[in-house]
Amino acid sequence: MMADIEIRTATPFDAEELLGIYSYYIINTAVTYELEVPSAEDFRQRIEKNAEEISLHSG
């Protein structure tokens, strides 16, 4: 049975989990322009600033 998928807008409460995913790509790939992993607080502020443009899915 397939899990239900939920798409929603990211919130500042998602910052640490999202940063955990994103940091892998900063450290191990060239798919992002960032060279250093931002702090959780910096990432949280980015989400607050751009919340309407960031969607998440789960499931």
N, C-alpha and C. Protein backbone atom coordinates (compact mmCIF):
# COMPACT_ATOMS: atom_id res chain seq x y z
N MET A 1 0.85 -1.18 0.00
CA MET A 1 0.00 0.00 0.00
C MET A 1 0.89 1.24 0.00
N MET A 2 0.57 2.20 -0.83
CA MET A 2 1.36 3.43 -0.91
C MET A 2 0.99 4.37 0.23
N ALA A 3 2.00 5.04 0.72
CA ALA A 3 1.77 6.04 1.76
C ALA A 3 1.15 7.28 1.14
N ASP A 4 0.35 7.98 1.90
CA ASP A 4 -0.20 9.24 1.43
C ASP A 4 0.92 10.26 1.35
N ILE A 5 0.88 11.08 0.32
CA ILE A 5 1.87 12.13 0.15
C ILE A 5 1.23 13.46 0.49
N GLU A 6 1.91 14.24 1.28
CA GLU A 6 1.42 15.56 1.67
C GLU A 6 2.41 16.60 1.17
N ILE A 7 1.91 17.60 0.46
CA ILE A 7 2.73 18.72 0.02
C ILE A 7 2.30 19.94 0.82
N ARG A 8 3.27 20.62 1.41
CA ARG A 8 2.95 21.78 2.22
C ARG A 8 4.09 22.78 2.15
N THR A 9 3.85 23.96 2.62
CA THR A 9 4.87 25.00 2.68
C THR A 9 5.82 24.70 3.83
N ALA A 10 7.11 24.84 3.58
CA ALA A 10 8.11 24.66 4.64
C ALA A 10 7.93 25.75 5.70
N THR A 11 8.24 25.40 6.93
CA THR A 11 8.17 26.37 8.03
C THR A 11 9.54 26.42 8.71
N PRO A 12 9.76 27.44 9.53
CA PRO A 12 11.03 27.51 10.27
C PRO A 12 11.28 26.27 11.13
N PHE A 13 10.22 25.58 11.53
CA PHE A 13 10.37 24.37 12.34
C PHE A 13 11.00 23.23 11.54
N ASP A 14 11.00 23.34 10.20
CA ASP A 14 11.58 22.32 9.33
C ASP A 14 13.07 22.55 9.09
N ALA A 15 13.61 23.65 9.56
CA ALA A 15 14.97 24.07 9.19
C ALA A 15 16.03 23.01 9.48
N GLU A 16 16.04 22.45 10.66
CA GLU A 16 17.11 21.50 11.01
C GLU A 16 17.05 20.25 10.14
N GLU A 17 15.85 19.73 9.92
CA GLU A 17 15.73 18.53 9.09
C GLU A 17 16.11 18.83 7.64
N LEU A 18 15.65 19.95 7.11
CA LEU A 18 16.00 20.32 5.74
C LEU A 18 17.49 20.58 5.60
N LEU A 19 18.07 21.23 6.59
CA LEU A 19 19.50 21.50 6.54
C LEU A 19 20.29 20.19 6.57
N GLY A 20 19.80 19.21 7.30
CA GLY A 20 20.45 17.91 7.31
C GLY A 20 20.50 17.27 5.93
N ILE A 21 19.45 17.46 5.16
CA ILE A 21 19.40 16.95 3.78
C ILE A 21 20.28 17.80 2.88
N TYR A 22 20.11 19.10 2.95
CA TYR A 22 20.82 20.04 2.07
C TYR A 22 22.33 20.02 2.30
N SER A 23 22.75 19.87 3.54
CA SER A 23 24.18 19.91 3.84
C SER A 23 24.95 18.80 3.13
N TYR A 24 24.31 17.65 2.94
CA TYR A 24 24.97 16.57 2.20
C TYR A 24 25.40 17.07 0.82
N TYR A 25 24.53 17.80 0.15
CA TYR A 25 24.81 18.26 -1.20
C TYR A 25 25.84 19.39 -1.23
N ILE A 26 25.88 20.18 -0.19
CA ILE A 26 26.91 21.22 -0.10
C ILE A 26 28.28 20.57 0.06
N ILE A 27 28.37 19.59 0.92
CA ILE A 27 29.65 18.95 1.26
C ILE A 27 30.14 18.00 0.17
N ASN A 28 29.23 17.25 -0.45
CA ASN A 28 29.63 16.13 -1.30
C ASN A 28 29.40 16.31 -2.80
N THR A 29 28.80 17.40 -3.23
CA THR A 29 28.51 17.56 -4.65
C THR A 29 28.79 18.99 -5.09
N ALA A 30 28.60 19.21 -6.37
CA ALA A 30 28.76 20.56 -6.93
C ALA A 30 27.42 21.10 -7.42
N VAL A 31 26.31 20.61 -6.88
CA VAL A 31 24.99 21.03 -7.35
C VAL A 31 24.46 22.29 -6.66
N THR A 32 25.22 22.82 -5.73
CA THR A 32 24.84 24.07 -5.06
C THR A 32 26.01 25.04 -5.13
N TYR A 33 25.71 26.30 -5.12
CA TYR A 33 26.77 27.31 -5.16
C TYR A 33 27.40 27.54 -3.79
N GLU A 34 26.83 26.97 -2.75
CA GLU A 34 27.36 27.17 -1.41
C GLU A 34 28.59 26.31 -1.17
N LEU A 35 29.55 26.86 -0.47
CA LEU A 35 30.78 26.13 -0.16
C LEU A 35 30.82 25.67 1.29
N GLU A 36 30.05 26.33 2.15
CA GLU A 36 29.99 25.98 3.57
C GLU A 36 28.54 25.80 3.99
N VAL A 37 28.32 24.88 4.90
CA VAL A 37 26.98 24.63 5.41
C VAL A 37 26.58 25.79 6.31
N PRO A 38 25.43 26.41 6.04
CA PRO A 38 24.99 27.50 6.91
C PRO A 38 24.57 26.97 8.28
N SER A 39 24.55 27.86 9.25
CA SER A 39 24.08 27.46 10.58
C SER A 39 22.58 27.19 10.52
N ALA A 40 22.08 26.46 11.49
CA ALA A 40 20.65 26.17 11.54
C ALA A 40 19.85 27.47 11.64
N GLU A 41 20.35 28.44 12.39
CA GLU A 41 19.65 29.72 12.53
C GLU A 41 19.62 30.47 11.21
N ASP A 42 20.72 30.50 10.48
CA ASP A 42 20.74 31.15 9.16
C ASP A 42 19.75 30.47 8.22
N PHE A 43 19.73 29.16 8.24
CA PHE A 43 18.84 28.42 7.36
C PHE A 43 17.38 28.67 7.75
N ARG A 44 17.11 28.74 9.04
CA ARG A 44 15.76 29.04 9.53
C ARG A 44 15.31 30.42 9.03
N GLN A 45 16.21 31.38 9.06
CA GLN A 45 15.88 32.73 8.58
C GLN A 45 15.60 32.73 7.08
N ARG A 46 16.33 31.93 6.33
CA ARG A 46 16.07 31.82 4.88
C ARG A 46 14.67 31.28 4.64
N ILE A 47 14.29 30.28 5.42
CA ILE A 47 12.95 29.71 5.25
C ILE A 47 11.90 30.76 5.59
N GLU A 48 12.09 31.50 6.66
CA GLU A 48 11.13 32.55 7.03
C GLU A 48 11.00 33.57 5.90
N LYS A 49 12.12 33.95 5.32
CA LYS A 49 12.13 34.96 4.26
C LYS A 49 11.46 34.46 2.99
N ASN A 50 11.61 33.17 2.68
CA ASN A 50 11.14 32.62 1.41
C ASN A 50 10.04 31.58 1.58
N ALA A 51 9.35 31.58 2.68
CA ALA A 51 8.40 30.52 3.02
C ALA A 51 7.34 30.28 1.95
N GLU A 52 6.87 31.30 1.30
CA GLU A 52 5.82 31.12 0.30
C GLU A 52 6.32 30.40 -0.94
N GLU A 53 7.63 30.38 -1.16
CA GLU A 53 8.18 29.78 -2.37
C GLU A 53 8.73 28.37 -2.15
N ILE A 54 8.76 27.89 -0.91
CA ILE A 54 9.36 26.60 -0.61
C ILE A 54 8.26 25.60 -0.26
N SER A 55 8.14 24.54 -1.06
CA SER A 55 7.16 23.49 -0.78
C SER A 55 7.88 22.21 -0.40
N LEU A 56 7.24 21.42 0.42
CA LEU A 56 7.78 20.13 0.87
C LEU A 56 6.78 19.05 0.52
N HIS A 57 7.27 17.84 0.38
CA HIS A 57 6.36 16.71 0.29
C HIS A 57 6.84 15.64 1.24
N SER A 58 5.93 14.88 1.75
CA SER A 58 6.29 13.78 2.63
C SER A 58 5.43 12.58 2.27
N GLY A 59 5.98 11.43 2.52
CA GLY A 59 5.20 10.23 2.24
C GLY A 59 5.95 9.23 1.43
